[in-house]
Amino acid sequence: MTSDSGLWITLEGGDGSGKTTQSNLLADWLVETGRTVVRTREPGGSDVGQLIRDIVLHHRGDIAPRAEALLYAADRAHHVATVVRPALARGEVVLQDRYLDSSVAYQGAGRVLDGAEIRDLSLWAAEGALPDLTVLLDLDPEAARVRLDSADKPFDRLEAEKTEFHARVRDAYLGLAAAEPGRFLVLDAAGSPESIADRIRERVSALLD
């Protein structure tokens, strides 16, 4: 969805896969090259999105799976309209933590809903918007759990799900990447942060050129 000289990059992967680390490294590099970077996330990349984030990740009690999927889609509709599209129109680089692939993986495979329906809902909400590049940091759920445990912070609603849930999420992500190899860059998140960052910069450089 490149607009003028704008570029839209999303980072995906299971909890504990290192998205924040890679986002920080990539943002620093982009700024050094003279690019204006808009860092954002879903849910929570706008004022409305932050309210939705508090519900879907920190609500005490159950949320019906379809209601959860609709809340994510509502956040996505507002976020793309008010944050992503305006930044791209200004020629900026949007660096985003999670997008519709997360919904297909978590609400689709994780909650055992129809992934195609979840994707269609998100595309409708975002008026068909897709990123120029999606970096998928792939990590075995058990290795991810070790990382999360070592972080010594409370789990949110999704992080607290069982290993079987996260295994379904991982399989769904890999299926999405296989279906759209032109958009995805799949990297082994067990590698060193520096080597992963190098691979990401290489791909982003080609897009910027």
C-alpha atoms as a PDB file:
ATOM      1  CA  MET A   1       0.000   0.000   0.000  1.00  0.00           C
ATOM      2  CA  THR A   2       2.901   2.364  -0.701  1.00  0.00           C
ATOM      3  CA  SER A   3       1.647   5.933  -1.095  1.00  0.00           C
ATOM      4  CA  ASP A   4       4.036   8.484  -2.663  1.00  0.00           C
ATOM      5  CA  SER A   5       7.312   7.641  -0.870  1.00  0.00           C
ATOM      6  CA  GLY A   6       5.573   6.209   2.185  1.00  0.00           C
ATOM      7  CA  LEU A   7       6.209   2.646   3.316  1.00  0.00           C
ATOM      8  CA  TRP A   8       4.124   0.448   5.613  1.00  0.00           C
ATOM      9  CA  ILE A   9       5.878  -2.313   7.572  1.00  0.00           C
ATOM     10  CA  THR A  10       4.198  -4.601  10.086  1.00  0.00           C
ATOM     11  CA  LEU A  11       5.843  -6.963  12.547  1.00  0.00           C
ATOM     12  CA  GLU A  12       4.108 -10.202  13.448  1.00  0.00           C
ATOM     13  CA  GLY A  13       4.817 -13.249  15.558  1.00  0.00           C
ATOM     14  CA  GLY A  14       3.828 -15.005  18.730  1.00  0.00           C
ATOM     15  CA  ASP A  15       4.219 -13.413  22.142  1.00  0.00           C
ATOM     16  CA  GLY A  16       7.887 -13.417  23.146  1.00  0.00           C
ATOM     17  CA  SER A  17       9.211 -13.562  19.577  1.00  0.00           C
ATOM     18  CA  GLY A  18      11.153 -10.304  19.845  1.00  0.00           C
ATOM     19  CA  LYS A  19       8.985  -7.878  17.895  1.00  0.00           C
ATOM     20  CA  THR A  20       9.750  -4.943  20.196  1.00  0.00           C
ATOM     21  CA  THR A  21      13.500  -5.472  19.955  1.00  0.00           C
ATOM     22  CA  GLN A  22      13.426  -5.629  16.159  1.00  0.00           C
ATOM     23  CA  SER A  23      11.060  -2.682  15.918  1.00  0.00           C
ATOM     24  CA  ASN A  24      13.469  -0.590  17.999  1.00  0.00           C
ATOM     25  CA  LEU A  25      16.471  -1.583  15.893  1.00  0.00           C
ATOM     26  CA  LEU A  26      14.662  -0.958  12.620  1.00  0.00           C
ATOM     27  CA  ALA A  27      13.291   2.407  13.743  1.00  0.00           C
ATOM     28  CA  ASP A  28      16.735   3.592  14.808  1.00  0.00           C
ATOM     29  CA  TRP A  29      18.220   2.583  11.449  1.00  0.00           C
ATOM     30  CA  LEU A  30      15.435   4.229   9.461  1.00  0.00           C
ATOM     31  CA  VAL A  31      15.858   7.492  11.368  1.00  0.00           C
ATOM     32  CA  GLU A  32      19.616   7.371  10.720  1.00  0.00           C
ATOM     33  CA  THR A  33      18.894   7.112   6.990  1.00  0.00           C
ATOM     34  CA  GLY A  34      16.804  10.279   7.201  1.00  0.00           C
ATOM     35  CA  ARG A  35      13.329   8.741   7.184  1.00  0.00           C
ATOM     36  CA  THR A  36      10.432   9.972   9.297  1.00  0.00           C
ATOM     37  CA  VAL A  37       9.086   6.978  11.212  1.00  0.00           C
ATOM     38  CA  VAL A  38       5.622   6.622  12.710  1.00  0.00           C
ATOM     39  CA  ARG A  39       5.638   3.824  15.265  1.00  0.00           C
ATOM     40  CA  THR A  40       2.261   2.391  16.111  1.00  0.00           C
ATOM     41  CA  ARG A  41       0.523  -0.802  17.182  1.00  0.00           C
ATOM     42  CA  GLU A  42      -2.705  -2.742  17.128  1.00  0.00           C
ATOM     43  CA  PRO A  43      -4.613  -2.597  19.248  1.00  0.00           C
ATOM     44  CA  GLY A  44      -3.841   0.749  20.849  1.00  0.00           C
ATOM     45  CA  GLY A  45      -2.379   2.962  18.128  1.00  0.00           C
ATOM     46  CA  SER A  46      -4.958   5.686  18.683  1.00  0.00           C
ATOM     47  CA  ASP A  47      -6.974   7.086  21.592  1.00  0.00           C
ATOM     48  CA  VAL A  48      -9.917   4.904  20.605  1.00  0.00           C
ATOM     49  CA  GLY A  49      -7.584   1.964  20.111  1.00  0.00           C
ATOM     50  CA  GLN A  50      -6.129   2.325  23.601  1.00  0.00           C
ATOM     51  CA  LEU A  51      -9.591   1.964  25.088  1.00  0.00           C
ATOM     52  CA  ILE A  52     -10.162  -1.171  23.002  1.00  0.00           C
ATOM     53  CA  ARG A  53      -6.717  -2.504  23.991  1.00  0.00           C
ATOM     54  CA  ASP A  54      -7.638  -2.248  27.656  1.00  0.00           C
ATOM     55  CA  ILE A  55     -10.744  -4.323  26.987  1.00  0.00           C
ATOM     56  CA  VAL A  56      -9.274  -7.094  24.806  1.00  0.00           C
ATOM     57  CA  LEU A  57      -6.008  -7.565  26.712  1.00  0.00           C
ATOM     58  CA  HIS A  58      -6.756  -6.589  30.295  1.00  0.00           C
ATOM     59  CA  HIS A  59     -10.487  -7.174  30.857  1.00  0.00           C
ATOM     60  CA  ARG A  60     -11.050  -9.351  33.892  1.00  0.00           C
ATOM     61  CA  GLY A  61     -13.354 -12.088  32.706  1.00  0.00           C
ATOM     62  CA  ASP A  62     -14.315 -13.817  29.504  1.00  0.00           C
ATOM     63  CA  ILE A  63     -15.014 -12.131  26.181  1.00  0.00           C
ATOM     64  CA  ALA A  64     -16.951 -14.122  23.588  1.00  0.00           C
ATOM     65  CA  PRO A  65     -14.571 -15.018  20.704  1.00  0.00           C
ATOM     66  CA  ARG A  66     -16.668 -13.258  18.046  1.00  0.00           C
ATOM     67  CA  ALA A  67     -16.960 -10.168  20.219  1.00  0.00           C
ATOM     68  CA  GLU A  68     -13.178 -10.167  20.629  1.00  0.00           C
ATOM     69  CA  ALA A  69     -12.698 -10.398  16.847  1.00  0.00           C
ATOM     70  CA  LEU A  70     -15.108  -7.510  16.277  1.00  0.00           C
ATOM     71  CA  LEU A  71     -13.327  -5.341  18.835  1.00  0.00           C
ATOM     72  CA  TYR A  72     -10.013  -5.874  17.044  1.00  0.00           C
ATOM     73  CA  ALA A  73     -11.664  -5.044  13.709  1.00  0.00           C
ATOM     74  CA  ALA A  74     -13.154  -1.848  15.168  1.00  0.00           C
ATOM     75  CA  ASP A  75      -9.726  -0.770  16.371  1.00  0.00           C
ATOM     76  CA  ARG A  76      -8.273  -1.575  12.938  1.00  0.00           C
ATOM     77  CA  ALA A  77     -10.850   0.488  11.060  1.00  0.00           C
ATOM     78  CA  HIS A  78     -10.165   3.584  13.149  1.00  0.00           C
ATOM     79  CA  HIS A  79      -6.406   3.056  13.246  1.00  0.00           C
ATOM     80  CA  VAL A  80      -5.928   2.714   9.496  1.00  0.00           C
ATOM     81  CA  ALA A  81      -8.185   5.704   8.766  1.00  0.00           C
ATOM     82  CA  THR A  82      -6.678   8.065  11.342  1.00  0.00           C
ATOM     83  CA  VAL A  83      -3.044   6.970  11.732  1.00  0.00           C
ATOM     84  CA  VAL A  84      -1.765   4.757   8.907  1.00  0.00           C
ATOM     85  CA  ARG A  85      -3.231   6.340   5.773  1.00  0.00           C
ATOM     86  CA  PRO A  86      -2.399   9.943   6.805  1.00  0.00           C
ATOM     87  CA  ALA A  87       1.225   8.988   7.586  1.00  0.00           C
ATOM     88  CA  LEU A  88       1.660   7.209   4.266  1.00  0.00           C
ATOM     89  CA  ALA A  89       0.154  10.187   2.460  1.00  0.00           C
ATOM     90  CA  ARG A  90       2.859  12.331   4.077  1.00  0.00           C
ATOM     91  CA  GLY A  91       5.522  10.002   2.689  1.00  0.00           C
ATOM     92  CA  GLU A  92       6.489   8.572   6.085  1.00  0.00           C
ATOM     93  CA  VAL A  93       7.439   5.054   7.131  1.00  0.00           C
ATOM     94  CA  VAL A  94       4.788   3.381   9.279  1.00  0.00           C
ATOM     95  CA  LEU A  95       6.338   0.762  11.541  1.00  0.00           C
ATOM     96  CA  GLN A  96       3.536  -1.200  13.167  1.00  0.00           C
ATOM     97  CA  ASP A  97       3.347  -3.903  15.821  1.00  0.00           C
ATOM     98  CA  ARG A  98       0.648  -6.343  14.611  1.00  0.00           C
ATOM     99  CA  TYR A  99      -2.064  -6.013  11.993  1.00  0.00           C
ATOM    100  CA  LEU A 100      -4.754  -8.237  10.474  1.00  0.00           C
ATOM    101  CA  ASP A 101      -2.492 -11.301  10.363  1.00  0.00           C
ATOM    102  CA  SER A 102      -2.581 -11.278  14.162  1.00  0.00           C
ATOM    103  CA  SER A 103      -6.363 -11.445  14.094  1.00  0.00           C
ATOM    104  CA  VAL A 104      -6.346 -14.363  11.666  1.00  0.00           C
ATOM    105  CA  ALA A 105      -3.808 -16.193  13.842  1.00  0.00           C
ATOM    106  CA  TYR A 106      -5.110 -15.352  17.328  1.00  0.00           C
ATOM    107  CA  GLN A 107      -8.862 -14.905  16.883  1.00  0.00           C
ATOM    108  CA  GLY A 108      -9.056 -17.303  13.936  1.00  0.00           C
ATOM    109  CA  ALA A 109      -6.793 -20.244  14.746  1.00  0.00           C
ATOM    110  CA  GLY A 110      -6.349 -19.489  18.445  1.00  0.00           C
ATOM    111  CA  ARG A 111     -10.054 -19.075  19.201  1.00  0.00           C
ATOM    112  CA  VAL A 112     -10.992 -21.685  16.549  1.00  0.00           C
ATOM    113  CA  LEU A 113     -13.001 -19.284  14.393  1.00  0.00           C
ATOM    114  CA  ASP A 114     -12.994 -19.210  10.587  1.00  0.00           C
ATOM    115  CA  GLY A 115      -9.729 -17.547   9.574  1.00  0.00           C
ATOM    116  CA  ALA A 116     -11.058 -16.503   6.161  1.00  0.00           C
ATOM    117  CA  GLU A 117     -14.008 -14.759   7.784  1.00  0.00           C
ATOM    118  CA  ILE A 118     -11.702 -12.969  10.226  1.00  0.00           C
ATOM    119  CA  ARG A 119      -9.470 -11.816   7.374  1.00  0.00           C
ATOM    120  CA  ASP A 120     -12.439 -10.619   5.311  1.00  0.00           C
ATOM    121  CA  LEU A 121     -13.783  -8.710   8.313  1.00  0.00           C
ATOM    122  CA  SER A 122     -10.436  -6.973   8.807  1.00  0.00           C
ATOM    123  CA  LEU A 123     -10.079  -6.128   5.126  1.00  0.00           C
ATOM    124  CA  TRP A 124     -13.562  -4.643   5.135  1.00  0.00           C
ATOM    125  CA  ALA A 125     -12.756  -2.620   8.251  1.00  0.00           C
ATOM    126  CA  ALA A 126      -9.509  -1.318   6.751  1.00  0.00           C
ATOM    127  CA  GLU A 127     -10.917  -0.789   3.234  1.00  0.00           C
ATOM    128  CA  GLY A 128      -8.613  -3.442   1.803  1.00  0.00           C
ATOM    129  CA  ALA A 129      -5.362  -1.961   3.142  1.00  0.00           C
ATOM    130  CA  LEU A 130      -2.368  -4.318   3.270  1.00  0.00           C
ATOM    131  CA  PRO A 131       1.224  -3.522   4.307  1.00  0.00           C
ATOM    132  CA  ASP A 132       4.117  -3.353   1.866  1.00  0.00           C
ATOM    133  CA  LEU A 133       6.090  -5.756   4.073  1.00  0.00           C
ATOM    134  CA  THR A 134       5.189  -8.048   6.951  1.00  0.00           C
ATOM    135  CA  VAL A 135       8.080  -9.381   9.024  1.00  0.00           C
ATOM    136  CA  LEU A 136       7.131 -12.643  10.728  1.00  0.00           C
ATOM    137  CA  LEU A 137       9.363 -13.589  13.654  1.00  0.00           C
ATOM    138  CA  ASP A 138       8.827 -17.332  13.997  1.00  0.00           C
ATOM    139  CA  LEU A 139       9.543 -18.989  17.336  1.00  0.00           C
ATOM    140  CA  ASP A 140       8.572 -22.275  18.952  1.00  0.00           C
ATOM    141  CA  PRO A 141       5.880 -21.563  21.579  1.00  0.00           C
ATOM    142  CA  GLU A 142       7.816 -23.321  24.348  1.00  0.00           C
ATOM    143  CA  ALA A 143      10.899 -21.186  23.668  1.00  0.00           C
ATOM    144  CA  ALA A 144       8.665 -18.127  23.639  1.00  0.00           C
ATOM    145  CA  ARG A 145       7.226 -19.121  27.017  1.00  0.00           C
ATOM    146  CA  VAL A 146      10.726 -19.241  28.505  1.00  0.00           C
ATOM    147  CA  ARG A 147      11.319 -15.693  27.273  1.00  0.00           C
ATOM    148  CA  LEU A 148       8.014 -14.467  28.670  1.00  0.00           C
ATOM    149  CA  ASP A 149       8.664 -16.107  32.036  1.00  0.00           C
ATOM    150  CA  SER A 150      12.089 -14.480  32.259  1.00  0.00           C
ATOM    151  CA  ALA A 151      10.569 -11.042  31.610  1.00  0.00           C
ATOM    152  CA  ASP A 152       8.955 -11.225  35.062  1.00  0.00           C
ATOM    153  CA  LYS A 153       5.821  -9.256  34.238  1.00  0.00           C
ATOM    154  CA  PRO A 154       2.107 -10.146  34.388  1.00  0.00           C
ATOM    155  CA  PHE A 155       0.703 -11.936  31.349  1.00  0.00           C
ATOM    156  CA  ASP A 156      -2.125 -10.340  29.382  1.00  0.00           C
ATOM    157  CA  ARG A 157      -5.182 -12.376  28.338  1.00  0.00           C
ATOM    158  CA  LEU A 158      -3.530 -13.816  25.221  1.00  0.00           C
ATOM    159  CA  GLU A 159      -0.085 -14.422  26.670  1.00  0.00           C
ATOM    160  CA  ALA A 160      -1.742 -16.447  29.446  1.00  0.00           C
ATOM    161  CA  GLU A 161      -3.298 -18.936  27.006  1.00  0.00           C
ATOM    162  CA  LYS A 162      -2.093 -22.555  26.976  1.00  0.00           C
ATOM    163  CA  THR A 163       0.670 -23.952  24.753  1.00  0.00           C
ATOM    164  CA  GLU A 164      -1.889 -25.576  22.427  1.00  0.00           C
ATOM    165  CA  PHE A 165      -3.384 -22.144  21.707  1.00  0.00           C
ATOM    166  CA  HIS A 166      -0.001 -20.676  20.827  1.00  0.00           C
ATOM    167  CA  ALA A 167       0.870 -23.693  18.662  1.00  0.00           C
ATOM    168  CA  ARG A 168      -2.267 -23.061  16.587  1.00  0.00           C
ATOM    169  CA  VAL A 169      -1.302 -19.390  16.328  1.00  0.00           C
ATOM    170  CA  ARG A 170       2.171 -20.276  15.049  1.00  0.00           C
ATOM    171  CA  ASP A 171       0.820 -22.714  12.461  1.00  0.00           C
ATOM    172  CA  ALA A 172      -1.641 -20.096  11.232  1.00  0.00           C
ATOM    173  CA  TYR A 173       1.103 -17.495  10.839  1.00  0.00           C
ATOM    174  CA  LEU A 174       3.244 -19.875   8.795  1.00  0.00           C
ATOM    175  CA  GLY A 175       0.249 -20.689   6.614  1.00  0.00           C
ATOM    176  CA  LEU A 176      -0.398 -16.999   5.980  1.00  0.00           C
ATOM    177  CA  ALA A 177       3.245 -16.438   5.050  1.00  0.00           C
ATOM    178  CA  ALA A 178       3.212 -19.388   2.641  1.00  0.00           C
ATOM    179  CA  ALA A 179       0.100 -17.982   0.953  1.00  0.00           C
ATOM    180  CA  GLU A 180       1.625 -14.498   0.467  1.00  0.00           C
ATOM    181  CA  PRO A 181       5.401 -14.942   0.042  1.00  0.00           C
ATOM    182  CA  GLY A 182       5.730 -11.582  -1.699  1.00  0.00           C
ATOM    183  CA  ARG A 183       4.503  -9.669   1.342  1.00  0.00           C
ATOM    184  CA  PHE A 184       6.077 -11.752   4.115  1.00  0.00           C
ATOM    185  CA  LEU A 185       9.646 -12.035   5.324  1.00  0.00           C
ATOM    186  CA  VAL A 186       9.829 -15.049   7.665  1.00  0.00           C
ATOM    187  CA  LEU A 187      12.782 -15.117  10.060  1.00  0.00           C
ATOM    188  CA  ASP A 188      13.860 -17.558  12.766  1.00  0.00           C
ATOM    189  CA  ALA A 189      13.360 -15.567  15.957  1.00  0.00           C
ATOM    190  CA  ALA A 190      15.762 -17.878  17.812  1.00  0.00           C
ATOM    191  CA  GLY A 191      18.679 -16.242  15.966  1.00  0.00           C
ATOM    192  CA  SER A 192      20.715 -13.356  17.299  1.00  0.00           C
ATOM    193  CA  PRO A 193      18.941  -9.974  17.327  1.00  0.00           C
ATOM    194  CA  GLU A 194      21.740  -8.501  15.217  1.00  0.00           C
ATOM    195  CA  SER A 195      21.513 -11.125  12.467  1.00  0.00           C
ATOM    196  CA  ILE A 196      17.724 -10.799  12.340  1.00  0.00           C
ATOM    197  CA  ALA A 197      18.006  -7.010  12.139  1.00  0.00           C
ATOM    198  CA  ASP A 198      20.460  -7.315   9.243  1.00  0.00           C
ATOM    199  CA  ARG A 199      18.000  -9.455   7.273  1.00  0.00           C
ATOM    200  CA  ILE A 200      15.198  -6.992   7.909  1.00  0.00           C
ATOM    201  CA  ARG A 201      17.293  -3.987   6.869  1.00  0.00           C
ATOM    202  CA  GLU A 202      18.289  -5.768   3.669  1.00  0.00           C
ATOM    203  CA  ARG A 203      14.662  -6.310   2.683  1.00  0.00           C
ATOM    204  CA  VAL A 204      13.558  -2.808   3.705  1.00  0.00           C
ATOM    205  CA  SER A 205      16.465  -1.241   1.774  1.00  0.00           C
ATOM    206  CA  ALA A 206      15.250  -2.931  -1.384  1.00  0.00           C
ATOM    207  CA  LEU A 207      11.742  -1.541  -0.850  1.00  0.00           C
ATOM    208  CA  LEU A 208      13.032   1.974  -0.172  1.00  0.00           C
ATOM    209  CA  ASP A 209      15.156   1.879  -3.330  1.00  0.00           C
END
